[in-house]
């Protein structure tokens, strides 16, 4: 009887070892799957980050251009309020000149 109990114990131990191995393989597989998913997610996030950096640089360039344009508009607004602007428009649109000016027209 002692011999039978030893065999059954070894059989039980082998079954436990097999179950333990299966569990270890399953846990290892799950961990590997998680590592792969995190790696893929990291690559995706890096790509998005690069795209956002490019977009940010473009937007900063546009902001600078718009600020420069705003300055030009402000200068033009100041110029429009001057007598020089009125004179330029009068000469250009209406052909008006001062009494002592001589107008030279090109011949065709």
C-alpha atoms as a PDB file:
ATOM      1  CA  UNK A   1       0.000   0.000   0.000  1.00  0.00           C
ATOM      2  CA  UNK A   2       2.839   2.334   0.714  1.00  0.00           C
ATOM      3  CA  UNK A   3       4.092   1.819  -2.827  1.00  0.00           C
ATOM      4  CA  UNK A   4       0.689   2.738  -4.294  1.00  0.00           C
ATOM      5  CA  UNK A   5       0.515   5.975  -2.270  1.00  0.00           C
ATOM      6  CA  UNK A   6       3.952   6.995  -3.543  1.00  0.00           C
ATOM      7  CA  UNK A   7       2.874   6.434  -7.156  1.00  0.00           C
ATOM      8  CA  UNK A   8      -0.282   8.419  -6.649  1.00  0.00           C
ATOM      9  CA  UNK A   9       1.680  11.205  -5.032  1.00  0.00           C
ATOM     10  CA  UNK A  10       4.092  11.379  -7.919  1.00  0.00           C
ATOM     11  CA  UNK A  11       1.174  11.295 -10.311  1.00  0.00           C
ATOM     12  CA  UNK A  12      -0.477  14.122  -8.395  1.00  0.00           C
ATOM     13  CA  UNK A  13       2.785  16.028  -8.367  1.00  0.00           C
ATOM     14  CA  UNK A  14       3.141  15.597 -12.128  1.00  0.00           C
ATOM     15  CA  UNK A  15      -0.414  16.819 -12.635  1.00  0.00           C
ATOM     16  CA  UNK A  16       0.286  19.837 -10.446  1.00  0.00           C
ATOM     17  CA  UNK A  17       3.504  20.514 -12.351  1.00  0.00           C
ATOM     18  CA  UNK A  18       1.648  20.324 -15.671  1.00  0.00           C
ATOM     19  CA  UNK A  19      -1.043  22.652 -14.364  1.00  0.00           C
ATOM     20  CA  UNK A  20       1.660  24.955 -13.045  1.00  0.00           C
ATOM     21  CA  UNK A  21       3.420  24.961 -16.435  1.00  0.00           C
ATOM     22  CA  UNK A  22       0.171  25.713 -18.246  1.00  0.00           C
ATOM     23  CA  UNK A  23      -0.496  28.567 -15.878  1.00  0.00           C
ATOM     24  CA  UNK A  24       3.017  29.926 -16.386  1.00  0.00           C
ATOM     25  CA  UNK A  25       2.677  29.685 -20.174  1.00  0.00           C
ATOM     26  CA  UNK A  26      -0.695  31.408 -20.042  1.00  0.00           C
ATOM     27  CA  UNK A  27       0.579  34.190 -17.782  1.00  0.00           C
ATOM     28  CA  UNK A  28       3.689  34.635 -19.936  1.00  0.00           C
ATOM     29  CA  UNK A  29       1.525  34.834 -23.062  1.00  0.00           C
ATOM     30  CA  UNK A  30      -0.696  37.476 -21.500  1.00  0.00           C
ATOM     31  CA  UNK A  31       2.340  39.510 -20.409  1.00  0.00           C
ATOM     32  CA  UNK A  32       3.889  39.270 -23.879  1.00  0.00           C
ATOM     33  CA  UNK A  33       0.584  40.356 -25.439  1.00  0.00           C
ATOM     34  CA  UNK A  34       0.447  43.359 -23.122  1.00  0.00           C
ATOM     35  CA  UNK A  35       4.043  44.277 -23.961  1.00  0.00           C
ATOM     36  CA  UNK A  36       3.250  44.149 -27.693  1.00  0.00           C
ATOM     37  CA  UNK A  37       0.113  46.269 -27.241  1.00  0.00           C
ATOM     38  CA  UNK A  38       1.954  48.876 -25.189  1.00  0.00           C
ATOM     39  CA  UNK A  39       4.793  49.001 -27.735  1.00  0.00           C
ATOM     40  CA  UNK A  40       2.400  49.472 -30.649  1.00  0.00           C
ATOM     41  CA  UNK A  41       0.535  52.151 -28.699  1.00  0.00           C
ATOM     42  CA  UNK A  42       3.819  53.916 -27.929  1.00  0.00           C
ATOM     43  CA  UNK A  43       4.814  53.978 -31.588  1.00  0.00           C
ATOM     44  CA  UNK A  44       1.418  55.343 -32.506  1.00  0.00           C
ATOM     45  CA  UNK A  45       1.671  58.065 -29.867  1.00  0.00           C
ATOM     46  CA  UNK A  46       5.147  59.059 -31.064  1.00  0.00           C
ATOM     47  CA  UNK A  47       3.839  59.410 -34.615  1.00  0.00           C
ATOM     48  CA  UNK A  48       0.933  61.566 -33.419  1.00  0.00           C
ATOM     49  CA  UNK A  49       3.321  63.661 -31.341  1.00  0.00           C
ATOM     50  CA  UNK A  50       5.508  64.344 -34.392  1.00  0.00           C
ATOM     51  CA  UNK A  51       2.448  65.302 -36.428  1.00  0.00           C
ATOM     52  CA  UNK A  52       1.307  67.655 -33.678  1.00  0.00           C
ATOM     53  CA  UNK A  53       4.769  69.233 -33.494  1.00  0.00           C
ATOM     54  CA  UNK A  54       4.698  69.899 -37.254  1.00  0.00           C
ATOM     55  CA  UNK A  55       1.198  71.336 -36.999  1.00  0.00           C
ATOM     56  CA  UNK A  56       2.282  73.537 -34.085  1.00  0.00           C
ATOM     57  CA  UNK A  57       5.249  74.858 -36.073  1.00  0.00           C
ATOM     58  CA  UNK A  58       2.980  75.648 -39.032  1.00  0.00           C
ATOM     59  CA  UNK A  59       0.482  77.427 -36.800  1.00  0.00           C
ATOM     60  CA  UNK A  60       3.234  79.466 -35.154  1.00  0.00           C
ATOM     61  CA  UNK A  61       4.434  80.497 -38.611  1.00  0.00           C
ATOM     62  CA  UNK A  62       0.895  81.518 -39.560  1.00  0.00           C
ATOM     63  CA  UNK A  63       0.562  83.508 -36.339  1.00  0.00           C
ATOM     64  CA  UNK A  64       3.788  85.372 -37.104  1.00  0.00           C
ATOM     65  CA  UNK A  65       2.626  86.097 -40.669  1.00  0.00           C
ATOM     66  CA  UNK A  66      -0.726  87.374 -39.412  1.00  0.00           C
ATOM     67  CA  UNK A  67       0.976  89.622 -36.843  1.00  0.00           C
ATOM     68  CA  UNK A  68       3.182  91.057 -39.603  1.00  0.00           C
ATOM     69  CA  UNK A  69       0.102  91.557 -41.774  1.00  0.00           C
ATOM     70  CA  UNK A  70      -1.653  93.298 -38.894  1.00  0.00           C
ATOM     71  CA  UNK A  71       1.288  95.692 -38.546  1.00  0.00           C
ATOM     72  CA  UNK A  72       1.138  96.451 -42.283  1.00  0.00           C
ATOM     73  CA  UNK A  73      -2.602  97.102 -42.060  1.00  0.00           C
ATOM     74  CA  UNK A  74      -2.065  99.442 -39.113  1.00  0.00           C
ATOM     75  CA  UNK A  75       0.586 101.357 -41.087  1.00  0.00           C
ATOM     76  CA  UNK A  76      -1.749 101.579 -44.087  1.00  0.00           C
ATOM     77  CA  UNK A  77      -4.568 102.742 -41.815  1.00  0.00           C
ATOM     78  CA  UNK A  78      -2.355 105.556 -40.542  1.00  0.00           C
ATOM     79  CA  UNK A  79      -1.337 106.433 -44.123  1.00  0.00           C
ATOM     80  CA  UNK A  80      -4.983 106.559 -45.255  1.00  0.00           C
ATOM     81  CA  UNK A  81      -5.630 109.274 -42.686  1.00  0.00           C
ATOM     82  CA  UNK A  82      -2.921 111.567 -44.052  1.00  0.00           C
ATOM     83  CA  UNK A  83      -3.043 114.325 -46.649  1.00  0.00           C
ATOM     84  CA  UNK A  84      -0.478 112.442 -48.738  1.00  0.00           C
ATOM     85  CA  UNK A  85      -2.984 109.640 -49.290  1.00  0.00           C
ATOM     86  CA  UNK A  86      -5.687 112.068 -50.342  1.00  0.00           C
ATOM     87  CA  UNK A  87      -3.300 113.675 -52.813  1.00  0.00           C
ATOM     88  CA  UNK A  88      -2.221 110.305 -54.230  1.00  0.00           C
ATOM     89  CA  UNK A  89      -5.810 109.179 -54.726  1.00  0.00           C
ATOM     90  CA  UNK A  90      -6.779 112.494 -56.293  1.00  0.00           C
ATOM     91  CA  UNK A  91      -3.894 112.296 -58.748  1.00  0.00           C
ATOM     92  CA  UNK A  92      -4.388 108.623 -59.565  1.00  0.00           C
ATOM     93  CA  UNK A  93      -8.172 108.369 -59.796  1.00  0.00           C
ATOM     94  CA  UNK A  94      -9.193 111.811 -60.913  1.00  0.00           C
ATOM     95  CA  UNK A  95      -6.071 113.083 -62.647  1.00  0.00           C
ATOM     96  CA  UNK A  96      -5.974 116.209 -60.489  1.00  0.00           C
ATOM     97  CA  UNK A  97      -2.721 118.161 -60.257  1.00  0.00           C
ATOM     98  CA  UNK A  98      -1.488 121.303 -58.551  1.00  0.00           C
ATOM     99  CA  UNK A  99      -1.529 124.492 -60.560  1.00  0.00           C
ATOM    100  CA  UNK A 100       2.244 124.646 -60.893  1.00  0.00           C
ATOM    101  CA  UNK A 101       2.710 120.963 -61.832  1.00  0.00           C
ATOM    102  CA  UNK A 102       3.459 119.791 -65.353  1.00  0.00           C
ATOM    103  CA  UNK A 103       1.965 116.493 -66.440  1.00  0.00           C
ATOM    104  CA  UNK A 104       3.903 114.387 -68.892  1.00  0.00           C
ATOM    105  CA  UNK A 105       2.014 111.649 -70.677  1.00  0.00           C
ATOM    106  CA  UNK A 106       3.798 108.863 -72.537  1.00  0.00           C
ATOM    107  CA  UNK A 107       3.133 108.623 -76.266  1.00  0.00           C
ATOM    108  CA  UNK A 108       1.903 105.410 -77.740  1.00  0.00           C
END
